[in-house]
N, C-alpha and C. Protein backbone atom coordinates (compact mmCIF):
# COMPACT_ATOMS: atom_id res chain seq x y z
N MET A 1 -8.81 6.19 -8.91
CA MET A 1 -8.30 5.54 -7.72
C MET A 1 -9.42 4.69 -7.09
N THR A 2 -9.10 3.51 -6.68
CA THR A 2 -10.06 2.60 -6.09
C THR A 2 -10.13 2.82 -4.58
N GLU A 3 -11.34 2.96 -4.05
CA GLU A 3 -11.51 3.18 -2.62
C GLU A 3 -11.18 1.91 -1.84
N THR A 4 -10.43 2.08 -0.76
CA THR A 4 -10.06 0.95 0.08
C THR A 4 -10.65 1.05 1.48
N ASP A 5 -11.32 2.16 1.79
CA ASP A 5 -11.96 2.34 3.08
C ASP A 5 -13.38 2.86 2.86
N ALA A 6 -14.26 2.50 3.76
CA ALA A 6 -15.64 2.97 3.71
C ALA A 6 -16.19 2.99 5.13
N ALA A 7 -17.23 3.80 5.35
CA ALA A 7 -17.87 3.86 6.66
C ALA A 7 -19.35 4.20 6.49
N ALA A 8 -20.17 3.63 7.37
CA ALA A 8 -21.61 3.91 7.38
C ALA A 8 -22.20 3.40 8.68
N ASP A 9 -23.07 4.19 9.27
CA ASP A 9 -23.83 3.78 10.45
C ASP A 9 -22.96 3.18 11.56
N GLY A 10 -21.81 3.79 11.82
CA GLY A 10 -20.95 3.33 12.90
C GLY A 10 -20.10 2.12 12.57
N ILE A 11 -20.12 1.71 11.31
CA ILE A 11 -19.32 0.56 10.87
C ILE A 11 -18.23 1.08 9.94
N THR A 12 -17.00 0.67 10.18
CA THR A 12 -15.92 1.02 9.27
C THR A 12 -15.45 -0.24 8.55
N ALA A 13 -15.03 -0.06 7.32
CA ALA A 13 -14.52 -1.18 6.52
C ALA A 13 -13.19 -0.75 5.93
N SER A 14 -12.24 -1.66 5.97
CA SER A 14 -10.91 -1.39 5.43
C SER A 14 -10.47 -2.57 4.58
N TYR A 15 -10.08 -2.30 3.35
CA TYR A 15 -9.59 -3.34 2.45
C TYR A 15 -8.09 -3.17 2.27
N ARG A 16 -7.37 -4.30 2.37
CA ARG A 16 -5.93 -4.26 2.11
C ARG A 16 -5.51 -5.60 1.56
N GLU A 17 -4.32 -5.63 1.02
CA GLU A 17 -3.75 -6.87 0.49
C GLU A 17 -2.43 -7.16 1.19
N SER A 18 -2.29 -8.37 1.70
CA SER A 18 -1.02 -8.81 2.28
C SER A 18 -0.29 -9.57 1.18
N GLU A 19 0.83 -10.18 1.52
CA GLU A 19 1.56 -10.95 0.51
C GLU A 19 0.75 -12.16 0.05
N ALA A 20 -0.12 -12.68 0.91
CA ALA A 20 -0.85 -13.91 0.59
C ALA A 20 -2.35 -13.73 0.41
N GLU A 21 -2.94 -12.66 0.99
CA GLU A 21 -4.38 -12.57 1.01
C GLU A 21 -4.92 -11.18 0.71
N ARG A 22 -6.19 -11.16 0.30
CA ARG A 22 -6.99 -9.94 0.22
C ARG A 22 -7.82 -9.93 1.50
N LEU A 23 -7.83 -8.83 2.21
CA LEU A 23 -8.48 -8.76 3.53
C LEU A 23 -9.46 -7.59 3.58
N LEU A 24 -10.70 -7.89 3.93
CA LEU A 24 -11.72 -6.88 4.12
C LEU A 24 -12.15 -6.96 5.59
N THR A 25 -11.80 -5.94 6.36
CA THR A 25 -12.05 -5.95 7.80
C THR A 25 -13.10 -4.91 8.16
N PHE A 26 -14.11 -5.37 8.89
CA PHE A 26 -15.19 -4.52 9.38
C PHE A 26 -15.02 -4.34 10.88
N THR A 27 -15.27 -3.12 11.36
CA THR A 27 -15.17 -2.82 12.78
C THR A 27 -16.41 -2.06 13.22
N ARG A 28 -16.96 -2.50 14.37
CA ARG A 28 -18.13 -1.81 14.95
C ARG A 28 -18.11 -2.01 16.45
N GLU A 29 -18.15 -0.90 17.18
CA GLU A 29 -18.24 -0.91 18.64
C GLU A 29 -17.28 -1.90 19.30
N GLY A 30 -16.04 -1.91 18.86
CA GLY A 30 -15.02 -2.77 19.44
C GLY A 30 -15.00 -4.19 18.91
N ARG A 31 -15.95 -4.54 18.07
CA ARG A 31 -15.98 -5.87 17.45
C ARG A 31 -15.38 -5.80 16.06
N GLU A 32 -14.81 -6.91 15.64
CA GLU A 32 -14.17 -6.95 14.32
C GLU A 32 -14.47 -8.27 13.63
N ALA A 33 -14.64 -8.20 12.33
CA ALA A 33 -14.83 -9.39 11.49
C ALA A 33 -14.07 -9.15 10.20
N THR A 34 -13.38 -10.18 9.73
CA THR A 34 -12.58 -10.07 8.51
C THR A 34 -13.00 -11.14 7.51
N VAL A 35 -13.14 -10.71 6.27
CA VAL A 35 -13.37 -11.63 5.15
C VAL A 35 -12.04 -11.68 4.40
N ALA A 36 -11.50 -12.89 4.24
CA ALA A 36 -10.19 -13.05 3.61
C ALA A 36 -10.29 -13.98 2.40
N GLN A 37 -9.48 -13.69 1.39
CA GLN A 37 -9.41 -14.51 0.19
C GLN A 37 -7.96 -14.50 -0.29
N ASN A 38 -7.53 -15.58 -0.97
CA ASN A 38 -6.16 -15.57 -1.45
C ASN A 38 -5.97 -14.45 -2.50
N ARG A 39 -4.75 -14.06 -2.73
CA ARG A 39 -4.46 -12.94 -3.65
C ARG A 39 -4.92 -13.21 -5.07
N GLU A 40 -4.91 -14.47 -5.46
CA GLU A 40 -5.32 -14.80 -6.82
C GLU A 40 -6.83 -14.65 -7.00
N GLY A 41 -7.58 -14.65 -5.90
CA GLY A 41 -9.00 -14.38 -5.96
C GLY A 41 -9.88 -15.54 -6.36
N TYR A 42 -9.38 -16.77 -6.29
CA TYR A 42 -10.22 -17.89 -6.71
C TYR A 42 -10.56 -18.85 -5.59
N ALA A 43 -10.00 -18.71 -4.43
CA ALA A 43 -10.25 -19.64 -3.32
C ALA A 43 -11.49 -19.22 -2.53
N MET A 44 -11.93 -20.11 -1.66
CA MET A 44 -13.06 -19.80 -0.79
C MET A 44 -12.72 -18.62 0.11
N LEU A 45 -13.76 -17.89 0.48
CA LEU A 45 -13.61 -16.77 1.40
C LEU A 45 -13.63 -17.30 2.83
N LYS A 46 -12.75 -16.77 3.65
CA LYS A 46 -12.69 -17.17 5.07
C LYS A 46 -13.23 -16.01 5.90
N VAL A 47 -14.08 -16.32 6.85
CA VAL A 47 -14.56 -15.30 7.78
C VAL A 47 -13.86 -15.54 9.11
N ARG A 48 -13.23 -14.48 9.62
CA ARG A 48 -12.49 -14.56 10.88
C ARG A 48 -13.09 -13.57 11.88
N ASP A 49 -13.04 -13.94 13.15
CA ASP A 49 -13.50 -13.03 14.18
C ASP A 49 -12.38 -12.06 14.55
N GLY A 50 -12.65 -11.22 15.54
CA GLY A 50 -11.68 -10.21 15.95
C GLY A 50 -10.38 -10.76 16.51
N ASP A 51 -10.40 -12.04 16.93
CA ASP A 51 -9.18 -12.68 17.43
C ASP A 51 -8.40 -13.36 16.32
N GLY A 52 -8.90 -13.27 15.08
CA GLY A 52 -8.22 -13.90 13.96
C GLY A 52 -8.57 -15.36 13.77
N GLU A 53 -9.51 -15.86 14.57
CA GLU A 53 -9.93 -17.26 14.47
C GLU A 53 -10.86 -17.44 13.28
N GLU A 54 -10.56 -18.40 12.44
CA GLU A 54 -11.43 -18.68 11.31
C GLU A 54 -12.73 -19.28 11.82
N ARG A 55 -13.86 -18.72 11.36
CA ARG A 55 -15.17 -19.18 11.78
C ARG A 55 -15.83 -20.07 10.74
N GLU A 56 -15.66 -19.73 9.45
CA GLU A 56 -16.34 -20.46 8.39
C GLU A 56 -15.72 -20.09 7.05
N ARG A 57 -15.99 -20.92 6.03
CA ARG A 57 -15.56 -20.64 4.66
C ARG A 57 -16.77 -20.63 3.75
N TYR A 58 -16.73 -19.75 2.76
CA TYR A 58 -17.85 -19.61 1.83
C TYR A 58 -17.33 -19.42 0.41
N TYR A 59 -18.12 -19.86 -0.56
CA TYR A 59 -17.82 -19.58 -1.97
C TYR A 59 -18.30 -18.19 -2.35
N GLY A 60 -19.44 -17.80 -1.83
CA GLY A 60 -20.05 -16.53 -2.23
C GLY A 60 -19.74 -15.39 -1.29
N PHE A 61 -19.53 -14.23 -1.86
CA PHE A 61 -19.23 -13.02 -1.11
C PHE A 61 -20.42 -12.64 -0.22
N GLU A 62 -21.64 -12.77 -0.75
CA GLU A 62 -22.81 -12.39 0.03
C GLU A 62 -22.94 -13.23 1.30
N MET A 63 -22.66 -14.52 1.20
CA MET A 63 -22.74 -15.38 2.38
C MET A 63 -21.66 -15.01 3.40
N ALA A 64 -20.47 -14.68 2.92
CA ALA A 64 -19.40 -14.25 3.83
C ALA A 64 -19.77 -12.94 4.51
N LEU A 65 -20.37 -12.01 3.76
CA LEU A 65 -20.80 -10.75 4.36
C LEU A 65 -21.89 -10.99 5.39
N ASP A 66 -22.79 -11.93 5.12
CA ASP A 66 -23.85 -12.26 6.06
C ASP A 66 -23.26 -12.71 7.39
N HIS A 67 -22.25 -13.57 7.33
CA HIS A 67 -21.62 -14.07 8.56
C HIS A 67 -20.85 -12.95 9.27
N ALA A 68 -20.15 -12.13 8.51
CA ALA A 68 -19.42 -11.00 9.11
C ALA A 68 -20.40 -10.07 9.83
N ALA A 69 -21.54 -9.81 9.19
CA ALA A 69 -22.55 -8.94 9.80
C ALA A 69 -23.08 -9.56 11.09
N GLU A 70 -23.28 -10.86 11.09
CA GLU A 70 -23.74 -11.56 12.29
C GLU A 70 -22.74 -11.38 13.43
N LEU A 71 -21.46 -11.49 13.12
CA LEU A 71 -20.43 -11.31 14.16
C LEU A 71 -20.45 -9.90 14.74
N LEU A 72 -20.85 -8.93 13.92
CA LEU A 72 -20.90 -7.54 14.37
C LEU A 72 -22.25 -7.14 14.95
N GLY A 73 -23.26 -8.00 14.78
CA GLY A 73 -24.58 -7.70 15.29
C GLY A 73 -25.35 -6.70 14.45
N VAL A 74 -25.15 -6.73 13.13
CA VAL A 74 -25.84 -5.83 12.21
C VAL A 74 -26.42 -6.64 11.05
N SER A 75 -27.18 -5.97 10.20
CA SER A 75 -27.70 -6.60 8.99
C SER A 75 -26.63 -6.55 7.90
N PRO A 76 -26.59 -7.55 7.03
CA PRO A 76 -25.60 -7.55 5.95
C PRO A 76 -25.64 -6.29 5.09
N GLY A 77 -26.84 -5.76 4.87
CA GLY A 77 -26.97 -4.54 4.06
C GLY A 77 -26.38 -3.31 4.70
N ASP A 78 -26.09 -3.38 6.01
CA ASP A 78 -25.49 -2.25 6.72
C ASP A 78 -23.98 -2.16 6.51
N LEU A 79 -23.38 -3.25 6.01
CA LEU A 79 -21.92 -3.26 5.87
C LEU A 79 -21.48 -2.43 4.66
N PRO A 80 -20.65 -1.42 4.89
CA PRO A 80 -20.11 -0.66 3.77
C PRO A 80 -18.97 -1.45 3.11
N VAL A 81 -19.02 -1.63 1.81
CA VAL A 81 -17.99 -2.40 1.11
C VAL A 81 -17.21 -1.45 0.22
N PRO A 82 -15.92 -1.27 0.49
CA PRO A 82 -15.09 -0.40 -0.36
C PRO A 82 -15.05 -0.94 -1.79
N GLU A 83 -14.92 -0.06 -2.73
CA GLU A 83 -14.90 -0.42 -4.15
C GLU A 83 -13.87 -1.50 -4.46
N ALA A 84 -12.71 -1.43 -3.85
CA ALA A 84 -11.64 -2.39 -4.13
C ALA A 84 -12.00 -3.82 -3.74
N ALA A 85 -12.95 -3.99 -2.82
CA ALA A 85 -13.32 -5.32 -2.35
C ALA A 85 -14.58 -5.86 -3.02
N ALA A 86 -15.20 -5.09 -3.86
CA ALA A 86 -16.50 -5.47 -4.45
C ALA A 86 -16.46 -6.74 -5.28
N ASP A 87 -15.29 -7.14 -5.75
CA ASP A 87 -15.19 -8.32 -6.62
C ASP A 87 -14.71 -9.58 -5.87
N MET A 88 -14.73 -9.55 -4.55
CA MET A 88 -14.30 -10.73 -3.79
C MET A 88 -15.34 -11.84 -3.96
N GLY A 89 -14.92 -13.07 -3.85
CA GLY A 89 -15.82 -14.21 -4.01
C GLY A 89 -15.59 -14.91 -5.33
N MET A 90 -16.26 -16.04 -5.49
CA MET A 90 -16.05 -16.83 -6.70
C MET A 90 -17.12 -16.58 -7.73
């Protein structure tokens, strides 16, 4: 079974798939950041804030995680990534 949730150092991560997108959402102290990609997995990653507003697009997963971490006020290495989301990015 592939893990879809993870937690570390007060940060929770939840991976899910909607009809159109793969969504990796991080939550910390009331703040939220989401990395989204189309279901086919080949489009650019979108980083959204807690209000759902798109902030930026990236080709690489690491760059998207860096921006998500910035929105949460943590280091990118602090973000727990569930196994199911590990292959996001181009």
